[in-house]
Amino acid sequence: MKSEINNGTLLKGIRKKVEEEMARREIETVLYWEGEMEKILSKRPESLGTLQMEVQNIVQRMRNRVKMLKSSIPG
């Protein structure tokens, strides 16, 4: 009975740590892409076409990153 309680407590602790780490990583990711978008905004694109190209570049980089991450997940 006591080992079940210890296992439950251990699992809750592990779950909490995993959730905290995931939240930290998500914050880092969002801050990175926010910075990339701020770079585009600070450039003051000359035309709508230039702005579209910059945004398309960011979208493609994000897609490439997702592909890399998916390929690193086993199974």
C-alpha atoms as a PDB file:
ATOM      1  CA  MET A   1       0.000   0.000   0.000  1.00  0.00           C
ATOM      2  CA  LYS A   2       2.767   2.411   0.962  1.00  0.00           C
ATOM      3  CA  SER A   3       4.704   1.687  -2.243  1.00  0.00           C
ATOM      4  CA  GLU A   4       1.578   2.539  -4.264  1.00  0.00           C
ATOM      5  CA  ILE A   5       1.398   5.911  -2.533  1.00  0.00           C
ATOM      6  CA  ASN A   6       5.113   6.506  -3.150  1.00  0.00           C
ATOM      7  CA  ASN A   7       4.710   5.529  -6.821  1.00  0.00           C
ATOM      8  CA  GLY A   8       1.732   7.865  -7.161  1.00  0.00           C
ATOM      9  CA  THR A   9       3.673  10.710  -5.580  1.00  0.00           C
ATOM     10  CA  LEU A  10       6.672   9.961  -7.769  1.00  0.00           C
ATOM     11  CA  LEU A  11       4.532   9.942 -10.914  1.00  0.00           C
ATOM     12  CA  LYS A  12       2.912  13.241  -9.962  1.00  0.00           C
ATOM     13  CA  GLY A  13       6.340  14.771  -9.386  1.00  0.00           C
ATOM     14  CA  ILE A  14       7.660  13.507 -12.713  1.00  0.00           C
ATOM     15  CA  ARG A  15       4.528  14.713 -14.518  1.00  0.00           C
ATOM     16  CA  LYS A  16       4.887  18.163 -12.947  1.00  0.00           C
ATOM     17  CA  LYS A  17       8.558  18.417 -13.975  1.00  0.00           C
ATOM     18  CA  VAL A  18       7.771  17.331 -17.540  1.00  0.00           C
ATOM     19  CA  GLU A  19       4.948  19.858 -17.801  1.00  0.00           C
ATOM     20  CA  GLU A  20       7.189  22.637 -16.450  1.00  0.00           C
ATOM     21  CA  GLU A  21       9.943  21.768 -18.922  1.00  0.00           C
ATOM     22  CA  MET A  22       7.476  21.688 -21.811  1.00  0.00           C
ATOM     23  CA  ALA A  23       6.135  25.096 -20.794  1.00  0.00           C
ATOM     24  CA  ARG A  24       9.692  26.516 -20.600  1.00  0.00           C
ATOM     25  CA  ARG A  25      10.530  25.174 -24.032  1.00  0.00           C
ATOM     26  CA  GLU A  26       7.291  26.510 -25.498  1.00  0.00           C
ATOM     27  CA  ILE A  27       8.060  29.951 -24.073  1.00  0.00           C
ATOM     28  CA  GLU A  28      11.559  29.836 -25.573  1.00  0.00           C
ATOM     29  CA  THR A  29      10.132  28.822 -28.948  1.00  0.00           C
ATOM     30  CA  VAL A  30       7.510  31.540 -29.008  1.00  0.00           C
ATOM     31  CA  LEU A  31      10.069  34.151 -27.949  1.00  0.00           C
ATOM     32  CA  TYR A  32      12.437  33.040 -30.717  1.00  0.00           C
ATOM     33  CA  TRP A  33       9.810  33.357 -33.444  1.00  0.00           C
ATOM     34  CA  GLU A  34       8.567  36.619 -31.955  1.00  0.00           C
ATOM     35  CA  GLY A  35      12.109  37.941 -32.310  1.00  0.00           C
ATOM     36  CA  GLU A  36      12.247  36.789 -35.921  1.00  0.00           C
ATOM     37  CA  MET A  37       8.984  38.598 -36.683  1.00  0.00           C
ATOM     38  CA  GLU A  38      10.217  41.731 -34.908  1.00  0.00           C
ATOM     39  CA  LYS A  39      13.272  41.710 -37.177  1.00  0.00           C
ATOM     40  CA  ILE A  40      10.971  41.789 -40.194  1.00  0.00           C
ATOM     41  CA  LEU A  41       8.920  44.616 -38.723  1.00  0.00           C
ATOM     42  CA  SER A  42      12.024  46.653 -37.907  1.00  0.00           C
ATOM     43  CA  LYS A  43      13.221  46.419 -41.513  1.00  0.00           C
ATOM     44  CA  ARG A  44      10.234  48.436 -42.688  1.00  0.00           C
ATOM     45  CA  PRO A  45       9.647  46.585 -45.960  1.00  0.00           C
ATOM     46  CA  GLU A  46       9.422  48.811 -49.021  1.00  0.00           C
ATOM     47  CA  SER A  47       6.324  47.109 -50.401  1.00  0.00           C
ATOM     48  CA  LEU A  48       3.665  44.587 -49.586  1.00  0.00           C
ATOM     49  CA  GLY A  49       5.422  42.097 -51.864  1.00  0.00           C
ATOM     50  CA  THR A  50       8.641  42.422 -49.883  1.00  0.00           C
ATOM     51  CA  LEU A  51       6.763  41.892 -46.635  1.00  0.00           C
ATOM     52  CA  GLN A  52       5.034  38.828 -48.073  1.00  0.00           C
ATOM     53  CA  MET A  53       8.368  37.355 -49.120  1.00  0.00           C
ATOM     54  CA  GLU A  54       9.801  37.888 -45.634  1.00  0.00           C
ATOM     55  CA  VAL A  55       6.769  36.250 -44.004  1.00  0.00           C
ATOM     56  CA  GLN A  56       6.902  33.347 -46.473  1.00  0.00           C
ATOM     57  CA  ASN A  57      10.568  32.877 -45.549  1.00  0.00           C
ATOM     58  CA  ILE A  58       9.664  32.657 -41.852  1.00  0.00           C
ATOM     59  CA  VAL A  59       6.833  30.195 -42.597  1.00  0.00           C
ATOM     60  CA  GLN A  60       9.188  27.992 -44.622  1.00  0.00           C
ATOM     61  CA  ARG A  61      11.769  28.032 -41.828  1.00  0.00           C
ATOM     62  CA  MET A  62       9.058  26.995 -39.365  1.00  0.00           C
ATOM     63  CA  ARG A  63       7.918  24.170 -41.665  1.00  0.00           C
ATOM     64  CA  ASN A  64      11.499  22.944 -42.040  1.00  0.00           C
ATOM     65  CA  ARG A  65      11.949  22.961 -38.280  1.00  0.00           C
ATOM     66  CA  VAL A  66       8.751  20.973 -37.754  1.00  0.00           C
ATOM     67  CA  LYS A  67       9.891  18.393 -40.321  1.00  0.00           C
ATOM     68  CA  MET A  68      13.227  18.041 -38.537  1.00  0.00           C
ATOM     69  CA  LEU A  69      11.547  17.616 -35.174  1.00  0.00           C
ATOM     70  CA  LYS A  70       9.065  15.062 -36.522  1.00  0.00           C
ATOM     71  CA  SER A  71      11.863  13.032 -38.082  1.00  0.00           C
ATOM     72  CA  SER A  72      13.688  12.919 -34.735  1.00  0.00           C
ATOM     73  CA  ILE A  73      10.691  11.352 -32.971  1.00  0.00           C
ATOM     74  CA  PRO A  74      10.925   7.561 -32.999  1.00  0.00           C
ATOM     75  CA  GLY A  75       8.073   5.438 -34.227  1.00  0.00           C
END
